Amino acid sequence: MATYAWRGRNNRGEAVNGELEAMTEGGVADQLLAIGVAPVHIALTEGAKVEQGEGLLARLNRQPVVVDDLLVFSRQMYTLNKAGVPILRAFAGLQASASKPAMVDLFKDIRSSLDQGRELSAALARHQNLFGAFYISMVRVGEMTGKLTEVFLRLNEHMEFERDVRERIKQATRYPMFVMIAMGLAVVILNVFVIPVFAKVFAGFNAQLPLITRGLLAFSGWMVAWWPLLIALSIAVVLGARSYVRTPAGRYRWDARKLKLPIIGDIILKATLARFARSFALSSQSGVPLVQALTVVAQTVDNAFIGSRIEQMRDGIERGESISRCASATGVFTPVVLQMINVGEETGELDNLLFEIADMYERDTDYAIKGLSAAIEPILLAVIAGLVLLLALGVFLPLWNLGQAAMGKGGG
C-alpha cells in the first residue's frame, strides 16, 4: 500500500488537499468520494516513489495470498468474532501479526474500507479474485442474519475439505505423473541418441531387418530430422489448448469430458458434487434464498458443466418446480441422493440431508482417492512393459538373427 497526495473540492466547492494510503489511485478516489470530496489530482508522494523504486525487487519476489492464508484468516475471524472483539480492532490485530507482506496489504485495504463505513462483505468484494463469490456472499448473509461467527466457522470447514481433496488427488497422481514424465524422457533419449547408433550398426548387415526394427529406425530418423518442428508444434498445441479451455465453450466441453475420464473422472464428479452439496447446505442454512444460493453455488463448483446443471436447477425452481424434480432433470445425481433430497424437501430437513449428502460424497471421494494409485499402477506397469518389449525386440532381434546366421554359417 502506497501513500498518495491528492487535491480536490469538497461539497461547498472549497479546495482541499491531503495524503491517503491506498493500493491504487482508484482506491484513493473511492475514499475521497465516500467522504464527499471530488478528486482533482492524485499522485504518489515523493517518499512513496522512492520506496516504490527501492522495493521493486521485493515486490517481484513477494509471495501472493494463497488458499492456506485465507483458511487461517477464516479461523482467526471466527475466534475473534466469538470472543466479541470489535471488527476494526480485530483487523488491526491481524495486520500487526501478519508476516506475509501481501496479507499485510490486504488487511490494510480492508481496514481502510471499514473506516469509510463499508460493510465487511463490501470490503472483501474489492478482492473478489482472492475470496471468490461464494465466500463474499456467505459473509454478506452472515452480516444480514447476525450469524457471522458461525459463517466463518463453516467457511473454514468448507475450505479445509476442498484443500484436503486437492492435496490427496495431487498426492495420488504425483507418482504416476513422475513415471509418465520419466517414460517420455526415456523415449526421447533412446530415439535421439541411442537408436541412431544402432542404425549405423544395422546398416552394415546388408540384410532385411525385422519390421519392428524398421519401424523404430524410421521413427527415430523422423524425430532426429524434425525435432525443432516437434518442439514448436508441442508448444503450439499446449498454448492453443490452454487458450481454448479459457473460452466459455472450451471450458464447458473440457469440464464435461473430465467427468468421463477413466479412473479419475468418477473422483472429480464425486468431489464436485460434494462441494455443491456442502455449499448449497451452507447457503440454505444461513438463510440465503434458494435461487440466489444456487446462482452463487454454480460459480463455486469449479466445473462449468456441473455449474450449468445447477443453473438448470435454479431455472426450474424459478418456474415453481420442486428441488427434487429439478435435481433429477440434471442427470448427475444418483437415485439414492435424489431420494434423500426428496425426503429432505418433504420433511423440511433439506439442510441436514444436504450435509449428509456432502459427507457421503466426501467419504466416496476419500475411498476412491485411496485406491487411485492402486488402479493406476497396473496400467503404468503394462505400458512400461510394452515399451520395454518393443525396444528389446526392435534392437536385439536383428543382433539375435545375425548371431544365428553367423553360427549357422560357421557350423556349415
Protein backbone atom coordinates (compact mmCIF):
# COMPACT_ATOMS: atom_id res chain seq x y z
CA MET A 1 0.00 0.00 0.00
CA ALA A 2 1.44 3.39 -1.03
CA THR A 3 0.86 6.99 0.08
CA TYR A 4 -0.83 9.30 -2.42
CA ALA A 5 -1.05 13.09 -2.35
CA TRP A 6 -4.40 14.44 -3.53
CA ARG A 7 -6.16 17.70 -4.30
CA GLY A 8 -9.92 18.12 -4.67
CA ARG A 9 -13.01 20.12 -3.78
CA ASN A 10 -15.49 19.43 -1.04
CA ASN A 11 -19.28 19.80 -1.13
CA ARG A 12 -19.00 23.58 -0.66
CA GLY A 13 -16.62 23.91 -3.58
CA GLU A 14 -13.61 24.68 -1.40
CA ALA A 15 -10.16 23.46 -2.45
CA VAL A 16 -8.82 20.80 -0.11
CA ASN A 17 -5.76 18.54 -0.18
CA GLY A 18 -4.01 15.87 1.82
CA GLU A 19 -2.47 12.42 1.75
CA LEU A 20 -4.08 8.96 1.85
CA GLU A 21 -2.85 5.38 1.85
CA ALA A 22 -4.32 3.01 -0.76
CA MET A 23 -3.41 0.18 -3.12
CA THR A 24 -4.08 2.24 -6.26
CA GLU A 25 -5.17 5.71 -7.35
CA GLY A 26 -8.66 4.30 -7.78
CA GLY A 27 -8.67 3.35 -4.11
CA VAL A 28 -7.82 6.95 -3.16
CA ALA A 29 -10.63 8.21 -5.41
CA ASP A 30 -13.09 5.83 -3.76
CA GLN A 31 -12.09 7.04 -0.31
CA LEU A 32 -12.42 10.70 -1.30
CA LEU A 33 -15.82 10.23 -2.91
CA ALA A 34 -17.02 8.40 0.20
CA ILE A 35 -16.28 11.49 2.34
CA GLY A 36 -17.80 13.91 -0.17
CA VAL A 37 -14.63 15.18 -1.88
CA ALA A 38 -14.40 15.35 -5.68
CA PRO A 39 -10.77 14.47 -6.57
CA VAL A 40 -8.94 16.75 -8.98
CA HIS A 41 -5.39 15.38 -8.81
CA ILE A 42 -3.98 12.16 -7.31
CA ALA A 43 -0.29 11.23 -7.42
CA LEU A 44 2.28 9.25 -5.45
CA THR A 45 4.19 11.21 -2.86
CA GLU A 46 7.93 11.60 -3.37
CA GLY A 47 8.67 9.26 -0.49
CA ALA A 48 6.36 6.66 -1.94
CA LYS A 49 8.06 6.92 -5.34
CA VAL A 50 11.48 6.34 -3.79
CA GLU A 51 10.15 3.49 -1.70
CA GLN A 52 8.38 2.06 -4.74
CA GLY A 53 11.58 2.12 -6.78
CA GLU A 54 13.63 0.58 -3.99
CA GLY A 55 11.06 -2.13 -3.35
CA LEU A 56 10.67 -3.27 -6.94
CA LEU A 57 12.73 -6.42 -6.45
CA ALA A 58 10.96 -7.16 -3.17
CA ARG A 59 7.55 -6.86 -4.85
CA LEU A 60 8.61 -9.17 -7.66
CA ASN A 61 9.71 -11.77 -5.10
CA ARG A 62 6.70 -11.25 -2.82
CA GLN A 63 4.61 -14.35 -2.21
CA PRO A 64 0.95 -14.00 -3.21
CA VAL A 65 -2.03 -14.75 -0.99
CA VAL A 66 -2.88 -18.46 -1.22
CA VAL A 67 -5.73 -20.69 -0.02
CA ASP A 68 -3.90 -21.57 3.20
CA ASP A 69 -3.72 -17.86 4.10
CA LEU A 70 -7.49 -17.48 3.61
CA LEU A 71 -8.03 -20.64 5.67
CA VAL A 72 -6.07 -19.19 8.58
CA PHE A 73 -7.87 -15.86 8.13
CA SER A 74 -11.29 -17.56 8.38
CA ARG A 75 -10.26 -19.41 11.54
CA GLN A 76 -8.89 -16.21 13.09
CA MET A 77 -12.06 -14.26 12.24
CA TYR A 78 -14.17 -17.00 13.80
CA THR A 79 -12.12 -16.87 17.01
CA LEU A 80 -12.09 -13.07 17.21
CA ASN A 81 -15.83 -12.77 16.49
CA LYS A 82 -16.62 -15.46 19.04
CA ALA A 83 -14.57 -13.56 21.63
CA GLY A 84 -16.52 -10.37 20.87
CA VAL A 85 -13.56 -8.35 19.55
CA PRO A 86 -14.75 -5.29 17.53
CA ILE A 87 -14.12 -5.78 13.85
CA LEU A 88 -11.81 -2.78 13.39
CA ARG A 89 -9.75 -3.86 16.36
CA ALA A 90 -9.70 -7.42 15.01
CA PHE A 91 -8.25 -6.33 11.68
CA ALA A 92 -5.72 -4.10 13.41
CA GLY A 93 -4.52 -7.14 15.33
CA LEU A 94 -4.46 -9.31 12.21
CA GLN A 95 -2.46 -6.68 10.34
CA ALA A 96 0.05 -6.38 13.18
CA SER A 97 0.51 -10.15 13.45
CA ALA A 98 0.68 -10.92 9.71
CA SER A 99 4.15 -11.90 8.50
CA LYS A 100 3.44 -12.03 4.75
CA PRO A 101 3.57 -8.58 3.08
CA ALA A 102 0.69 -9.45 0.74
CA MET A 103 -1.56 -10.24 3.72
CA VAL A 104 -0.49 -7.03 5.46
CA ASP A 105 -1.53 -5.02 2.40
CA LEU A 106 -4.81 -6.94 2.21
CA PHE A 107 -5.65 -6.20 5.85
CA LYS A 108 -4.71 -2.53 5.37
CA ASP A 109 -7.07 -2.20 2.45
CA ILE A 110 -9.92 -3.94 4.30
CA ARG A 111 -9.35 -1.71 7.34
CA SER A 112 -9.39 1.36 5.13
CA SER A 113 -12.71 0.27 3.62
CA LEU A 114 -14.18 -0.40 7.06
CA ASP A 115 -13.02 3.02 8.28
CA GLN A 116 -15.01 4.57 5.44
CA GLY A 117 -18.17 2.89 6.69
CA ARG A 118 -18.30 -0.04 4.29
CA GLU A 119 -19.57 -3.41 5.44
CA LEU A 120 -17.12 -6.30 5.71
CA SER A 121 -18.64 -8.05 2.69
CA ALA A 122 -18.20 -4.89 0.61
CA ALA A 123 -14.58 -4.59 1.77
CA LEU A 124 -13.91 -8.23 0.81
CA ALA A 125 -15.66 -7.71 -2.53
CA ARG A 126 -12.82 -5.35 -3.51
CA HIS A 127 -10.68 -8.53 -3.60
CA GLN A 128 -13.15 -10.91 -5.25
CA ASN A 129 -10.35 -12.63 -7.20
CA LEU A 130 -8.95 -13.80 -3.84
CA PHE A 131 -12.08 -14.61 -1.83
CA GLY A 132 -14.49 -15.62 -4.59
CA ALA A 133 -18.22 -15.03 -4.98
CA PHE A 134 -19.26 -17.78 -2.55
CA TYR A 135 -17.07 -16.54 0.31
CA ILE A 136 -18.27 -12.95 -0.09
CA SER A 137 -21.92 -13.98 -0.39
CA MET A 138 -21.69 -16.08 2.78
CA VAL A 139 -20.14 -13.17 4.70
CA ARG A 140 -22.90 -10.88 3.43
CA VAL A 141 -25.53 -13.35 4.63
CA GLY A 142 -23.76 -13.63 7.99
CA GLU A 143 -23.94 -9.85 8.37
CA MET A 144 -27.64 -9.79 7.47
CA THR A 145 -28.62 -12.64 9.80
CA GLY A 146 -26.23 -11.88 12.66
CA LYS A 147 -24.52 -15.26 12.25
CA LEU A 148 -21.14 -14.02 11.08
CA THR A 149 -19.27 -16.10 13.67
CA GLU A 150 -20.94 -19.31 12.52
CA VAL A 151 -20.43 -18.39 8.87
CA PHE A 152 -16.67 -18.04 9.36
CA LEU A 153 -16.57 -21.43 11.09
CA ARG A 154 -18.50 -23.05 8.23
CA LEU A 155 -16.28 -21.37 5.64
CA ASN A 156 -13.20 -22.63 7.44
CA GLU A 157 -14.52 -26.21 7.40
CA HIS A 158 -15.55 -25.90 3.76
CA MET A 159 -12.13 -24.62 2.67
CA GLU A 160 -10.36 -27.31 4.69
CA PHE A 161 -12.31 -30.01 2.86
CA GLU A 162 -11.54 -28.54 -0.55
CA ARG A 163 -7.86 -28.21 0.30
CA ASP A 164 -7.68 -31.79 1.60
CA VAL A 165 -9.31 -33.15 -1.57
CA ARG A 166 -6.88 -31.26 -3.80
CA GLU A 167 -3.90 -32.38 -1.75
CA ARG A 168 -4.99 -36.04 -1.75
CA ILE A 169 -5.53 -36.01 -5.51
CA LYS A 170 -2.12 -34.41 -6.05
CA GLN A 171 -0.50 -36.97 -3.76
CA ALA A 172 -2.20 -39.86 -5.53
CA THR A 173 -1.27 -38.64 -9.01
CA ARG A 174 2.26 -37.44 -8.21
CA TYR A 175 3.91 -40.85 -8.67
CA PRO A 176 2.12 -41.69 -11.95
CA MET A 177 2.98 -38.23 -13.31
CA PHE A 178 6.66 -38.71 -12.48
CA VAL A 179 6.60 -42.11 -14.14
CA MET A 180 4.98 -40.73 -17.29
CA ILE A 181 7.48 -37.86 -17.46
CA ALA A 182 10.38 -40.29 -16.99
CA MET A 183 8.98 -42.53 -19.73
CA GLY A 184 8.65 -39.60 -22.11
CA LEU A 185 12.24 -38.51 -21.45
CA ALA A 186 13.46 -42.08 -21.90
CA VAL A 187 11.70 -42.38 -25.28
CA VAL A 188 13.23 -39.09 -26.45
CA ILE A 189 16.75 -40.06 -25.33
CA LEU A 190 16.51 -43.51 -26.92
CA ASN A 191 15.23 -42.16 -30.24
CA VAL A 192 17.64 -39.23 -30.46
CA PHE A 193 20.86 -40.69 -29.05
CA VAL A 194 20.71 -44.50 -28.71
CA ILE A 195 18.83 -45.87 -31.72
CA PRO A 196 20.84 -43.80 -34.27
CA VAL A 197 23.96 -45.59 -33.02
CA PHE A 198 22.32 -48.96 -33.61
CA ALA A 199 21.16 -47.71 -37.01
CA LYS A 200 24.79 -47.36 -38.08
CA VAL A 201 25.49 -50.92 -36.89
CA PHE A 202 22.43 -52.32 -38.67
CA ALA A 203 23.40 -50.53 -41.87
CA GLY A 204 26.41 -52.82 -42.21
CA PHE A 205 24.35 -56.00 -42.01
CA ASN A 206 23.27 -55.83 -45.66
CA ALA A 207 20.22 -57.89 -44.66
CA GLN A 208 16.49 -57.42 -44.38
CA LEU A 209 15.73 -56.07 -40.88
CA PRO A 210 12.64 -57.13 -38.91
CA LEU A 211 9.51 -54.98 -39.24
CA ILE A 212 9.72 -53.77 -35.63
CA THR A 213 13.32 -52.63 -36.13
CA ARG A 214 12.49 -50.82 -39.36
CA GLY A 215 9.64 -49.04 -37.59
CA LEU A 216 11.90 -47.95 -34.71
CA LEU A 217 14.60 -46.74 -37.08
CA ALA A 218 12.08 -44.79 -39.16
CA PHE A 219 10.54 -43.16 -36.08
CA SER A 220 13.97 -42.30 -34.68
CA GLY A 221 15.10 -40.80 -38.00
CA TRP A 222 11.92 -38.77 -38.17
CA MET A 223 12.46 -37.39 -34.65
CA VAL A 224 16.10 -36.52 -35.32
CA ALA A 225 15.23 -34.76 -38.59
CA TRP A 226 12.19 -32.87 -37.35
CA TRP A 227 12.87 -32.23 -33.66
CA PRO A 228 12.69 -28.38 -33.96
CA LEU A 229 9.28 -28.68 -35.62
CA LEU A 230 8.13 -31.19 -32.98
CA ILE A 231 9.09 -28.83 -30.15
CA ALA A 232 7.38 -25.89 -31.84
CA LEU A 233 4.31 -27.98 -32.57
CA SER A 234 4.13 -29.24 -28.98
CA ILE A 235 4.33 -25.70 -27.61
CA ALA A 236 1.69 -24.52 -30.08
CA VAL A 237 -0.64 -27.39 -29.11
CA VAL A 238 -0.24 -26.67 -25.39
CA LEU A 239 -0.80 -22.93 -25.78
CA GLY A 240 -3.71 -23.49 -28.15
CA ALA A 241 -5.35 -25.97 -25.78
CA ARG A 242 -4.94 -23.59 -22.83
CA SER A 243 -6.41 -20.70 -24.82
CA TYR A 244 -9.34 -22.85 -25.92
CA VAL A 245 -10.05 -24.05 -22.38
CA ARG A 246 -10.21 -20.44 -21.22
CA THR A 247 -13.11 -19.74 -23.55
CA PRO A 248 -16.63 -20.47 -22.20
CA ALA A 249 -17.32 -23.16 -24.81
CA GLY A 250 -13.90 -24.77 -24.36
CA ARG A 251 -14.17 -24.75 -20.57
CA TYR A 252 -17.63 -26.33 -20.74
CA ARG A 253 -16.53 -29.13 -23.09
CA TRP A 254 -13.33 -29.85 -21.17
CA ASP A 255 -15.13 -29.94 -17.82
CA ALA A 256 -17.74 -32.29 -19.28
CA ARG A 257 -15.04 -34.55 -20.71
CA LYS A 258 -13.11 -34.61 -17.43
CA LEU A 259 -16.04 -36.32 -15.77
CA LYS A 260 -15.82 -39.17 -18.31
CA LEU A 261 -12.10 -39.82 -17.94
CA PRO A 262 -11.27 -43.39 -16.89
CA ILE A 263 -10.47 -43.87 -13.19
CA ILE A 264 -10.13 -40.18 -12.28
CA GLY A 265 -13.39 -38.94 -13.84
CA ASP A 266 -15.54 -40.52 -11.13
CA ILE A 267 -13.38 -38.93 -8.43
CA ILE A 268 -13.75 -35.49 -9.99
CA LEU A 269 -17.53 -35.93 -10.22
CA LYS A 270 -17.91 -37.01 -6.60
CA ALA A 271 -15.63 -34.23 -5.29
CA THR A 272 -17.54 -31.64 -7.34
CA LEU A 273 -20.93 -32.87 -6.12
CA ALA A 274 -19.65 -32.91 -2.53
CA ARG A 275 -18.62 -29.27 -2.96
CA PHE A 276 -22.05 -28.47 -4.40
CA ALA A 277 -23.95 -30.19 -1.58
CA ARG A 278 -21.91 -28.55 1.18
CA SER A 279 -22.05 -25.10 -0.43
CA PHE A 280 -25.79 -25.39 -1.02
CA ALA A 281 -26.35 -26.58 2.54
CA LEU A 282 -24.30 -23.71 3.98
CA SER A 283 -26.16 -21.16 1.88
CA SER A 284 -29.59 -22.58 2.67
CA GLN A 285 -28.84 -22.96 6.37
CA SER A 286 -27.66 -19.35 6.55
CA GLY A 287 -30.96 -18.09 5.13
CA VAL A 288 -29.97 -17.37 1.54
CA PRO A 289 -32.96 -17.63 -0.85
CA LEU A 290 -32.82 -20.79 -2.97
CA VAL A 291 -32.49 -19.01 -6.31
CA GLN A 292 -29.69 -16.76 -5.08
CA ALA A 293 -27.98 -19.68 -3.33
CA LEU A 294 -27.93 -21.81 -6.49
CA THR A 295 -26.63 -18.85 -8.52
CA VAL A 296 -23.67 -18.47 -6.17
CA VAL A 297 -23.08 -22.21 -5.75
CA ALA A 298 -22.95 -22.65 -9.54
CA GLN A 299 -19.89 -20.39 -9.53
CA THR A 300 -18.13 -22.26 -6.72
CA VAL A 301 -18.20 -25.85 -8.01
CA ASP A 302 -15.25 -25.08 -10.32
CA ASN A 303 -16.77 -27.10 -13.17
CA ALA A 304 -18.63 -25.38 -15.99
CA PHE A 305 -20.61 -28.50 -16.89
CA ILE A 306 -21.89 -29.11 -13.34
CA GLY A 307 -22.37 -25.36 -12.94
CA SER A 308 -24.69 -25.30 -15.96
CA ARG A 309 -26.70 -28.16 -14.46
CA ILE A 310 -27.04 -26.24 -11.19
CA GLU A 311 -28.23 -23.20 -13.13
CA GLN A 312 -30.73 -25.53 -14.80
CA MET A 313 -31.97 -26.45 -11.31
CA ARG A 314 -32.26 -22.75 -10.44
CA ASP A 315 -34.31 -22.03 -13.56
CA GLY A 316 -36.65 -24.92 -12.73
CA ILE A 317 -37.15 -23.67 -9.16
CA GLU A 318 -37.90 -20.19 -10.50
CA ARG A 319 -40.68 -21.79 -12.57
CA GLY A 320 -42.15 -23.29 -9.40
CA GLU A 321 -40.88 -26.86 -9.73
CA SER A 322 -39.66 -28.87 -6.72
CA ILE A 323 -35.97 -29.17 -5.87
CA SER A 324 -36.00 -32.96 -6.18
CA ARG A 325 -37.57 -32.81 -9.64
CA CYS A 326 -35.08 -30.20 -10.82
CA ALA A 327 -32.19 -32.26 -9.39
CA SER A 328 -33.46 -35.35 -11.19
CA ALA A 329 -33.61 -33.46 -14.50
CA THR A 330 -29.88 -32.61 -14.30
CA GLY A 331 -28.88 -36.27 -14.72
CA VAL A 332 -25.82 -36.04 -12.46
CA PHE A 333 -27.17 -37.31 -9.12
CA THR A 334 -27.59 -40.96 -8.12
CA PRO A 335 -31.05 -42.33 -7.22
CA VAL A 336 -30.07 -42.54 -3.54
CA VAL A 337 -29.15 -38.86 -3.45
CA LEU A 338 -32.31 -37.88 -5.29
CA GLN A 339 -34.36 -39.83 -2.75
CA MET A 340 -32.58 -38.06 0.13
CA ILE A 341 -33.26 -34.66 -1.46
CA ASN A 342 -36.92 -35.61 -1.89
CA VAL A 343 -37.24 -36.68 1.74
CA GLY A 344 -35.47 -33.55 2.95
CA GLU A 345 -37.76 -31.35 0.92
CA GLU A 346 -40.87 -33.08 2.27
CA THR A 347 -39.76 -33.03 5.91
CA GLY A 348 -38.19 -29.56 5.90
CA GLU A 349 -34.79 -31.02 6.80
CA LEU A 350 -33.15 -30.29 3.47
CA ASP A 351 -30.15 -28.55 5.08
CA ASN A 352 -29.27 -31.53 7.27
CA LEU A 353 -29.75 -34.02 4.44
CA LEU A 354 -27.60 -31.91 2.13
CA PHE A 355 -24.83 -32.10 4.74
CA GLU A 356 -25.37 -35.87 4.85
CA ILE A 357 -25.09 -35.99 1.05
CA ALA A 358 -21.90 -33.94 1.21
CA ASP A 359 -20.45 -36.31 3.83
CA MET A 360 -21.41 -39.32 1.70
CA TYR A 361 -19.75 -37.92 -1.40
CA GLU A 362 -16.70 -36.93 0.66
CA ARG A 363 -16.35 -40.48 2.01
CA ASP A 364 -16.72 -41.89 -1.50
CA THR A 365 -14.14 -39.41 -2.77
CA ASP A 366 -11.72 -40.29 0.01
CA TYR A 367 -12.14 -44.01 -0.66
CA ALA A 368 -11.67 -43.54 -4.42
CA ILE A 369 -8.56 -41.40 -3.92
CA LYS A 370 -7.00 -44.02 -1.65
CA GLY A 371 -7.44 -46.60 -4.42
CA LEU A 372 -6.31 -44.25 -7.19
CA SER A 373 -2.65 -45.24 -7.07
CA ALA A 374 -3.55 -48.94 -6.92
CA ALA A 375 -5.74 -48.52 -10.00
CA ILE A 376 -3.16 -46.55 -12.00
CA GLU A 377 -0.07 -48.65 -11.19
CA PRO A 378 -1.12 -51.77 -13.20
CA ILE A 379 -1.77 -49.58 -16.25
CA LEU A 380 1.63 -47.93 -15.89
CA LEU A 381 3.33 -51.29 -15.50
CA ALA A 382 1.60 -52.58 -18.63
CA VAL A 383 2.67 -49.50 -20.62
CA ILE A 384 6.25 -49.73 -19.36
CA ALA A 385 6.37 -53.46 -20.10
CA GLY A 386 5.05 -52.88 -23.62
CA LEU A 387 7.59 -50.13 -24.25
CA VAL A 388 10.49 -52.23 -22.96
CA LEU A 389 9.36 -55.24 -25.01
CA LEU A 390 9.07 -53.12 -28.15
CA LEU A 391 12.56 -51.66 -27.72
CA ALA A 392 14.07 -55.02 -26.82
CA LEU A 393 12.61 -56.77 -29.87
CA GLY A 394 13.44 -53.86 -32.17
CA VAL A 395 17.07 -53.53 -31.06
CA PHE A 396 18.12 -57.04 -30.14
CA LEU A 397 16.17 -59.14 -32.66
CA PRO A 398 18.47 -58.16 -35.56
CA LEU A 399 21.50 -58.93 -33.39
CA TRP A 400 19.97 -62.27 -32.49
CA ASN A 401 19.32 -63.08 -36.15
CA LEU A 402 22.85 -62.06 -37.07
CA GLY A 403 24.24 -64.30 -34.34
CA GLN A 404 22.12 -67.21 -35.53
CA ALA A 405 23.24 -66.64 -39.12
CA ALA A 406 26.88 -66.50 -38.07
CA MET A 407 26.56 -69.69 -36.06
CA GLY A 408 24.86 -71.45 -38.96
CA LYS A 409 27.47 -70.26 -41.39
CA GLY A 410 30.30 -71.26 -39.11
CA GLY A 411 28.75 -74.66 -38.44
CA GLY A 412 28.39 -75.31 -42.17
